[in-house]
Amino acid sequence: MLNKSDATRTLAWGVVACAVATGLVWLLGQRLQGIRLLPDQGVSWYYWKLPEPTVWSRLSAWAGYAAHQIAFWALIYYAQTKVGRYTAGLHPVNVVALAVNTGFVALHTLQTHLFYDGLAQDVSIFSSQGSVILLLVAVLVMENRRRGLFLGRPAPIGRQVVDFARRYHGYLFSWAAVYTFWYHPMEITSGHLVGFFYMFLLLLQGSLFLTRAHTDRRWTVTLELAVAVHGTLVALASSGPGGAWPMFLFGFLGVFVITQMHGLGLSLPVRWALAGCYVGALLVVHALRGQVGSAFDALRIPAIEYALVGVLALLVWLGLRTARLIRGARTPPADRSRF
């Protein structure tokens, strides 16, 4: 461990660095304004991709993504197998991880300005959105025992499922962050900038594995809540003030009220006050829009996330069960001749 390095201090400075990096994306991205793109073709269409991709535009995006992903996974594996203990300071591998992610952020910036295209040219827009949703759902599974799923009460998810998610979540989370990061070119719309800032924060969080800062409750809940800001701003940018932004804002905030705030050590009166503020704001916003009946749309996102928690827990359980059965089938029966 690097005793002179404080992971909490690194986290604080890392957030500042993420903001600076986002500013640089905006500054450098001014020169991308002249790139010709095809007209928007609907919800399933990703607008920011070249009309005529080249071998180099595809190869540069996929090679950059693959190298970034493999490097991050290798660092996680090394940390789990060679380090394996949490500390208040930084391990040398954390310093390497920070440097690796910084390097690949710079590489993707260069790749965008030379070839423009990200992974979006070849894969669905829903894969990028789904990767982040999967990350959020996995967090709900991991934290089920500590903070519960519904108003502080845990869902009936087996200990082995939760332990598996806790042990191997780094591989899933790094995939979600790295894949989504390379999915987009380094464009400068409000949605892109907020999204890149969020991805930078996730990469920072991933780089601080096996440190106390990585498990700080306030920090991890902040990362969970950041998706509410991102989803709301993207909805505002795409459909304006009259669009569906309240569904994203109050949908993700609903998950906070139902689940996430119960892991922060808040007193019961404070939690009741937050829930009251949430309901009041929900009703006021929809009343001002003349759409009080639409307030129930906010339930869609929590309903989807909680349903996916069940699906993910079941899939992990089935995978663990299948692995045990396979191991049992391969294990030779005990030699009964000795008895």
Protein backbone atom coordinates (compact mmCIF):
# COMPACT_ATOMS: atom_id res chain seq x y z
CA MET A 1 0.00 0.00 0.00
CA LEU A 2 1.14 3.57 -0.66
CA ASN A 3 0.88 4.92 2.89
CA LYS A 4 1.24 8.53 1.84
CA SER A 5 -1.67 8.29 -0.58
CA ASP A 6 -5.15 8.80 0.81
CA ALA A 7 -7.86 7.20 -1.35
CA THR A 8 -10.48 9.65 -0.08
CA ARG A 9 -8.33 12.60 -1.10
CA THR A 10 -7.70 10.94 -4.45
CA LEU A 11 -11.45 10.49 -4.89
CA ALA A 12 -12.08 14.18 -4.23
CA TRP A 13 -9.39 15.29 -6.65
CA GLY A 14 -10.58 12.62 -9.09
CA VAL A 15 -14.04 14.17 -9.22
CA VAL A 16 -12.43 17.52 -10.01
CA ALA A 17 -10.35 15.85 -12.72
CA CYS A 18 -13.52 14.29 -14.18
CA ALA A 19 -15.10 17.74 -14.40
CA VAL A 20 -11.96 19.15 -16.05
CA ALA A 21 -11.88 16.24 -18.51
CA THR A 22 -15.52 16.91 -19.39
CA GLY A 23 -14.65 20.55 -20.01
CA LEU A 24 -11.84 19.47 -22.33
CA VAL A 25 -14.25 17.23 -24.22
CA TRP A 26 -16.47 20.27 -24.78
CA LEU A 27 -13.56 22.50 -25.78
CA LEU A 28 -12.01 20.04 -28.23
CA GLY A 29 -15.40 18.96 -29.53
CA GLN A 30 -16.04 22.34 -31.15
CA ARG A 31 -14.11 21.13 -34.19
CA LEU A 32 -16.56 18.23 -34.68
CA GLN A 33 -19.42 20.53 -35.62
CA GLY A 34 -18.74 20.25 -39.35
CA ILE A 35 -19.16 16.48 -39.55
CA ARG A 36 -22.10 15.46 -41.75
CA LEU A 37 -24.58 13.05 -40.18
CA LEU A 38 -27.74 11.37 -41.40
CA PRO A 39 -31.19 12.69 -40.37
CA ASP A 40 -32.64 11.33 -37.16
CA GLN A 41 -34.74 8.23 -37.83
CA GLY A 42 -36.52 7.62 -34.53
CA VAL A 43 -36.09 6.25 -31.04
CA SER A 44 -33.94 3.27 -32.02
CA TRP A 45 -31.67 5.37 -34.23
CA TYR A 46 -28.34 6.64 -32.91
CA TYR A 47 -27.73 9.95 -34.64
CA TRP A 48 -23.98 10.45 -34.02
CA LYS A 49 -22.37 8.03 -36.45
CA LEU A 50 -20.84 8.42 -39.88
CA PRO A 51 -23.09 7.90 -42.92
CA GLU A 52 -20.26 5.94 -44.56
CA PRO A 53 -18.06 4.22 -41.98
CA THR A 54 -14.62 3.03 -43.00
CA VAL A 55 -12.51 0.08 -41.98
CA TRP A 56 -10.37 2.43 -39.90
CA SER A 57 -13.29 4.09 -38.15
CA ARG A 58 -14.61 0.69 -37.10
CA LEU A 59 -11.24 -0.84 -36.28
CA SER A 60 -10.08 2.13 -34.21
CA ALA A 61 -13.23 2.07 -32.06
CA TRP A 62 -13.33 -1.69 -31.49
CA ALA A 63 -9.58 -2.05 -30.95
CA GLY A 64 -9.58 0.82 -28.47
CA TYR A 65 -12.53 -0.63 -26.62
CA ALA A 66 -11.06 -4.15 -26.53
CA ALA A 67 -7.69 -2.93 -25.25
CA HIS A 68 -9.35 -0.76 -22.59
CA GLN A 69 -11.64 -3.57 -21.48
CA ILE A 70 -8.95 -6.24 -21.29
CA ALA A 71 -6.60 -3.92 -19.41
CA PHE A 72 -9.27 -3.02 -16.84
CA TRP A 73 -10.30 -6.65 -16.34
CA ALA A 74 -6.65 -7.66 -15.93
CA LEU A 75 -6.18 -5.01 -13.24
CA ILE A 76 -9.28 -6.21 -11.37
CA TYR A 77 -8.08 -9.82 -11.55
CA TYR A 78 -4.65 -8.84 -10.29
CA ALA A 79 -6.15 -6.85 -7.42
CA GLN A 80 -8.39 -9.75 -6.39
CA THR A 81 -5.73 -12.44 -6.60
CA LYS A 82 -2.57 -10.57 -5.55
CA VAL A 83 -3.83 -7.82 -3.22
CA GLY A 84 -7.22 -8.83 -1.86
CA ARG A 85 -7.47 -6.48 1.12
CA TYR A 86 -9.21 -3.13 1.68
CA THR A 87 -7.19 -0.18 2.96
CA ALA A 88 -7.67 3.54 3.58
CA GLY A 89 -4.85 4.40 1.19
CA LEU A 90 -4.06 3.50 -2.39
CA HIS A 91 -2.48 0.25 -3.51
CA PRO A 92 0.05 0.53 -6.35
CA VAL A 93 -2.47 -1.20 -8.60
CA ASN A 94 -4.92 1.69 -7.99
CA VAL A 95 -2.33 4.13 -9.29
CA VAL A 96 -1.86 1.95 -12.37
CA ALA A 97 -5.64 1.74 -12.87
CA LEU A 98 -6.01 5.52 -12.68
CA ALA A 99 -3.21 5.95 -15.22
CA VAL A 100 -4.66 3.29 -17.55
CA ASN A 101 -8.12 4.83 -17.55
CA THR A 102 -6.70 8.31 -18.06
CA GLY A 103 -4.69 7.04 -21.00
CA PHE A 104 -7.69 5.42 -22.64
CA VAL A 105 -9.80 8.55 -22.16
CA ALA A 106 -7.10 10.44 -24.04
CA LEU A 107 -6.97 7.69 -26.68
CA HIS A 108 -10.73 7.77 -27.27
CA THR A 109 -10.60 11.55 -27.60
CA LEU A 110 -7.89 11.21 -30.26
CA GLN A 111 -9.77 8.38 -31.95
CA THR A 112 -12.93 10.50 -32.18
CA HIS A 113 -11.11 13.41 -33.77
CA LEU A 114 -9.32 11.18 -36.27
CA PHE A 115 -12.08 8.68 -37.15
CA TYR A 116 -15.19 9.92 -35.26
CA ASP A 117 -17.23 6.72 -34.95
CA GLY A 118 -17.71 4.86 -31.71
CA LEU A 119 -19.16 1.39 -31.25
CA ALA A 120 -22.60 2.80 -32.06
CA GLN A 121 -21.97 2.16 -35.75
CA ASP A 122 -22.32 -1.60 -35.22
CA VAL A 123 -24.47 -2.18 -32.12
CA SER A 124 -27.91 -1.08 -30.93
CA ILE A 125 -28.44 2.04 -28.87
CA PHE A 126 -30.36 -0.12 -26.40
CA SER A 127 -27.21 -2.09 -25.61
CA SER A 128 -25.56 1.05 -24.25
CA GLN A 129 -28.60 2.01 -22.19
CA GLY A 130 -29.07 -1.55 -21.01
CA SER A 131 -25.49 -1.86 -19.77
CA VAL A 132 -25.97 1.04 -17.33
CA ILE A 133 -29.35 -0.28 -16.20
CA LEU A 134 -27.76 -3.67 -15.55
CA LEU A 135 -25.10 -1.97 -13.44
CA LEU A 136 -27.75 -0.21 -11.33
CA VAL A 137 -29.73 -3.41 -10.89
CA ALA A 138 -26.61 -5.31 -9.81
CA VAL A 139 -26.02 -2.69 -7.11
CA LEU A 140 -29.53 -3.29 -5.78
CA VAL A 141 -28.76 -7.01 -5.55
CA MET A 142 -25.39 -6.42 -3.86
CA GLU A 143 -26.83 -4.05 -1.27
CA ASN A 144 -29.95 -6.08 -0.52
CA ARG A 145 -28.73 -7.44 2.82
CA ARG A 146 -27.35 -4.13 4.07
CA ARG A 147 -30.07 -1.65 3.15
CA GLY A 148 -32.94 -3.82 1.94
CA LEU A 149 -34.89 -3.41 -1.27
CA PHE A 150 -38.28 -2.09 -0.14
CA LEU A 151 -38.29 0.54 2.63
CA GLY A 152 -35.38 -1.08 4.38
CA ARG A 153 -36.71 -4.63 4.12
CA PRO A 154 -34.53 -7.08 2.16
CA ALA A 155 -35.89 -9.13 -0.70
CA PRO A 156 -35.62 -12.93 -0.40
CA ILE A 157 -32.36 -13.19 -2.31
CA GLY A 158 -30.01 -15.99 -1.25
CA ARG A 159 -26.71 -15.19 0.45
CA GLN A 160 -24.75 -17.05 -2.24
CA VAL A 161 -26.28 -14.87 -4.96
CA VAL A 162 -25.40 -11.66 -3.10
CA ASP A 163 -21.90 -12.90 -2.28
CA PHE A 164 -21.31 -13.81 -5.93
CA ALA A 165 -22.47 -10.36 -7.04
CA ARG A 166 -20.23 -8.67 -4.50
CA ARG A 167 -17.17 -10.71 -5.46
CA TYR A 168 -17.45 -10.40 -9.24
CA HIS A 169 -19.33 -7.13 -9.73
CA GLY A 170 -16.15 -5.33 -10.79
CA TYR A 171 -15.99 -7.21 -14.08
CA LEU A 172 -19.61 -6.33 -14.88
CA PHE A 173 -19.30 -2.72 -13.81
CA SER A 174 -16.10 -2.16 -15.76
CA TRP A 175 -17.75 -3.63 -18.84
CA ALA A 176 -20.77 -1.35 -18.45
CA ALA A 177 -18.60 1.75 -18.04
CA VAL A 178 -16.00 0.96 -20.70
CA TYR A 179 -18.52 -0.27 -23.25
CA THR A 180 -20.75 2.77 -22.83
CA PHE A 181 -17.73 5.08 -22.91
CA TRP A 182 -16.56 3.70 -26.27
CA TYR A 183 -20.09 3.46 -27.64
CA HIS A 184 -20.27 7.23 -28.16
CA PRO A 185 -17.96 9.58 -30.04
CA MET A 186 -16.72 12.43 -27.84
CA GLU A 187 -19.52 14.76 -28.92
CA ILE A 188 -20.53 17.90 -27.03
CA THR A 189 -24.31 17.85 -26.77
CA SER A 190 -25.60 18.29 -23.22
CA GLY A 191 -26.55 14.61 -23.11
CA HIS A 192 -23.08 13.52 -24.22
CA LEU A 193 -21.27 15.82 -21.80
CA VAL A 194 -23.34 14.73 -18.80
CA GLY A 195 -22.97 11.12 -19.90
CA PHE A 196 -19.20 11.36 -20.25
CA PHE A 197 -18.91 13.01 -16.85
CA TYR A 198 -20.90 10.10 -15.41
CA MET A 199 -18.69 7.56 -17.21
CA PHE A 200 -15.57 9.32 -15.94
CA LEU A 201 -16.93 9.05 -12.39
CA LEU A 202 -17.60 5.33 -12.89
CA LEU A 203 -14.10 4.79 -14.24
CA LEU A 204 -12.73 6.67 -11.23
CA GLN A 205 -14.79 4.50 -8.90
CA GLY A 206 -13.58 1.38 -10.66
CA SER A 207 -9.96 2.49 -10.32
CA LEU A 208 -10.29 2.74 -6.52
CA PHE A 209 -11.12 -0.93 -5.92
CA LEU A 210 -10.00 -2.36 -2.57
CA THR A 211 -9.97 1.08 -0.92
CA ARG A 212 -12.34 2.47 1.69
CA ALA A 213 -13.31 5.29 -0.67
CA HIS A 214 -14.67 2.67 -3.09
CA THR A 215 -17.25 1.54 -0.51
CA ASP A 216 -18.16 4.94 0.98
CA ARG A 217 -21.98 4.89 1.21
CA ARG A 218 -22.51 8.54 0.38
CA TRP A 219 -20.26 8.32 -2.66
CA THR A 220 -21.81 5.12 -4.03
CA VAL A 221 -25.36 6.46 -3.59
CA THR A 222 -24.28 9.65 -5.37
CA LEU A 223 -23.20 7.52 -8.32
CA GLU A 224 -26.56 5.74 -8.27
CA LEU A 225 -28.42 9.06 -8.19
CA ALA A 226 -26.33 10.58 -10.99
CA VAL A 227 -28.34 8.57 -13.49
CA ALA A 228 -31.41 10.63 -12.51
CA VAL A 229 -29.59 13.80 -13.59
CA HIS A 230 -28.34 12.23 -16.79
CA GLY A 231 -31.69 10.68 -17.76
CA THR A 232 -33.57 13.90 -17.03
CA LEU A 233 -31.22 16.13 -19.00
CA VAL A 234 -31.18 13.78 -21.99
CA ALA A 235 -34.99 13.71 -22.00
CA LEU A 236 -35.12 17.51 -21.80
CA ALA A 237 -32.63 17.86 -24.64
CA SER A 238 -34.45 15.40 -26.89
CA SER A 239 -38.09 16.34 -26.26
CA GLY A 240 -38.04 19.71 -24.50
CA PRO A 241 -39.79 20.87 -21.31
CA GLY A 242 -43.06 19.29 -22.43
CA GLY A 243 -41.50 15.86 -22.84
CA ALA A 244 -41.20 12.85 -20.58
CA TRP A 245 -38.39 14.17 -18.35
CA PRO A 246 -40.51 13.90 -15.14
CA MET A 247 -40.75 10.14 -15.64
CA PHE A 248 -36.96 9.83 -15.55
CA LEU A 249 -36.43 12.34 -12.74
CA PHE A 250 -39.09 10.99 -10.41
CA GLY A 251 -38.60 7.41 -11.55
CA PHE A 252 -34.96 7.27 -10.45
CA LEU A 253 -35.66 9.42 -7.38
CA GLY A 254 -38.39 6.94 -6.54
CA VAL A 255 -35.76 4.20 -6.33
CA PHE A 256 -33.82 6.45 -3.95
CA VAL A 257 -36.85 6.90 -1.68
CA ILE A 258 -37.89 3.25 -1.78
CA THR A 259 -34.42 1.71 -1.49
CA GLN A 260 -31.25 3.77 -1.60
CA MET A 261 -31.81 6.26 1.21
CA HIS A 262 -32.33 3.43 3.70
CA GLY A 263 -28.63 2.56 3.55
CA LEU A 264 -27.36 5.99 4.59
CA GLY A 265 -28.02 5.73 8.32
CA LEU A 266 -30.70 8.43 8.22
CA SER A 267 -33.18 8.66 11.07
CA LEU A 268 -36.78 7.67 10.49
CA PRO A 269 -38.08 11.30 10.66
CA VAL A 270 -35.53 12.36 8.03
CA ARG A 271 -36.57 9.51 5.75
CA TRP A 272 -40.23 10.41 6.18
CA ALA A 273 -39.39 14.04 5.36
CA LEU A 274 -37.53 13.03 2.19
CA ALA A 275 -40.41 10.81 1.12
CA GLY A 276 -42.85 13.66 1.75
CA CYS A 277 -40.76 16.08 -0.30
CA TYR A 278 -40.59 13.53 -3.10
CA VAL A 279 -44.36 13.00 -3.22
CA GLY A 280 -45.04 16.74 -2.95
CA ALA A 281 -42.63 17.61 -5.78
CA LEU A 282 -44.05 14.81 -7.93
CA LEU A 283 -47.61 16.10 -7.55
CA VAL A 284 -46.69 19.78 -7.98
CA VAL A 285 -44.71 19.24 -11.17
CA HIS A 286 -47.44 17.15 -12.77
CA ALA A 287 -50.14 19.57 -11.63
CA LEU A 288 -48.28 22.49 -13.22
CA ARG A 289 -48.08 20.48 -16.43
CA GLY A 290 -51.80 19.69 -16.23
CA GLN A 291 -50.99 15.99 -16.14
CA VAL A 292 -51.69 14.83 -12.60
CA GLY A 293 -52.74 11.43 -13.90
CA SER A 294 -49.31 11.00 -15.46
CA ALA A 295 -47.67 11.08 -12.04
CA PHE A 296 -48.00 7.31 -11.94
CA ASP A 297 -45.63 7.10 -14.90
CA ALA A 298 -42.85 7.58 -12.36
CA LEU A 299 -43.54 4.05 -11.16
CA ARG A 300 -42.33 2.56 -14.44
CA ILE A 301 -38.62 2.88 -13.76
CA PRO A 302 -38.74 1.45 -10.20
CA ALA A 303 -41.01 -1.35 -11.43
CA ILE A 304 -38.58 -2.23 -14.23
CA GLU A 305 -35.55 -2.12 -11.93
CA TYR A 306 -37.15 -4.28 -9.24
CA ALA A 307 -38.37 -6.78 -11.82
CA LEU A 308 -34.85 -6.97 -13.23
CA VAL A 309 -33.49 -7.53 -9.72
CA GLY A 310 -35.58 -10.70 -9.60
CA VAL A 311 -34.47 -11.76 -13.06
CA LEU A 312 -30.79 -11.13 -12.34
CA ALA A 313 -30.93 -12.90 -8.97
CA LEU A 314 -32.64 -15.89 -10.58
CA LEU A 315 -30.08 -16.07 -13.40
CA VAL A 316 -27.18 -15.92 -10.94
CA TRP A 317 -28.80 -18.59 -8.78
CA LEU A 318 -29.35 -20.83 -11.79
CA GLY A 319 -25.75 -20.31 -12.87
CA LEU A 320 -24.40 -21.18 -9.41
CA ARG A 321 -26.71 -24.19 -9.19
CA THR A 322 -25.64 -25.44 -12.61
CA ALA A 323 -21.97 -24.99 -11.71
CA ARG A 324 -22.45 -27.04 -8.53
CA LEU A 325 -24.21 -29.80 -10.45
CA ILE A 326 -21.43 -29.91 -13.04
CA ARG A 327 -18.76 -30.03 -10.36
CA GLY A 328 -20.71 -32.78 -8.59
CA ALA A 329 -20.97 -34.81 -11.79
CA ARG A 330 -17.22 -34.53 -12.38
CA THR A 331 -16.29 -35.55 -8.84
CA PRO A 332 -15.71 -39.32 -8.69
CA PRO A 333 -17.76 -41.16 -6.07
CA ALA A 334 -16.01 -42.05 -2.82
CA ASP A 335 -14.18 -45.36 -2.76
CA ARG A 336 -16.60 -47.50 -0.74
CA SER A 337 -14.19 -50.49 -0.62
CA ARG A 338 -12.57 -48.93 2.43
CA PHE A 339 -15.69 -49.27 4.55
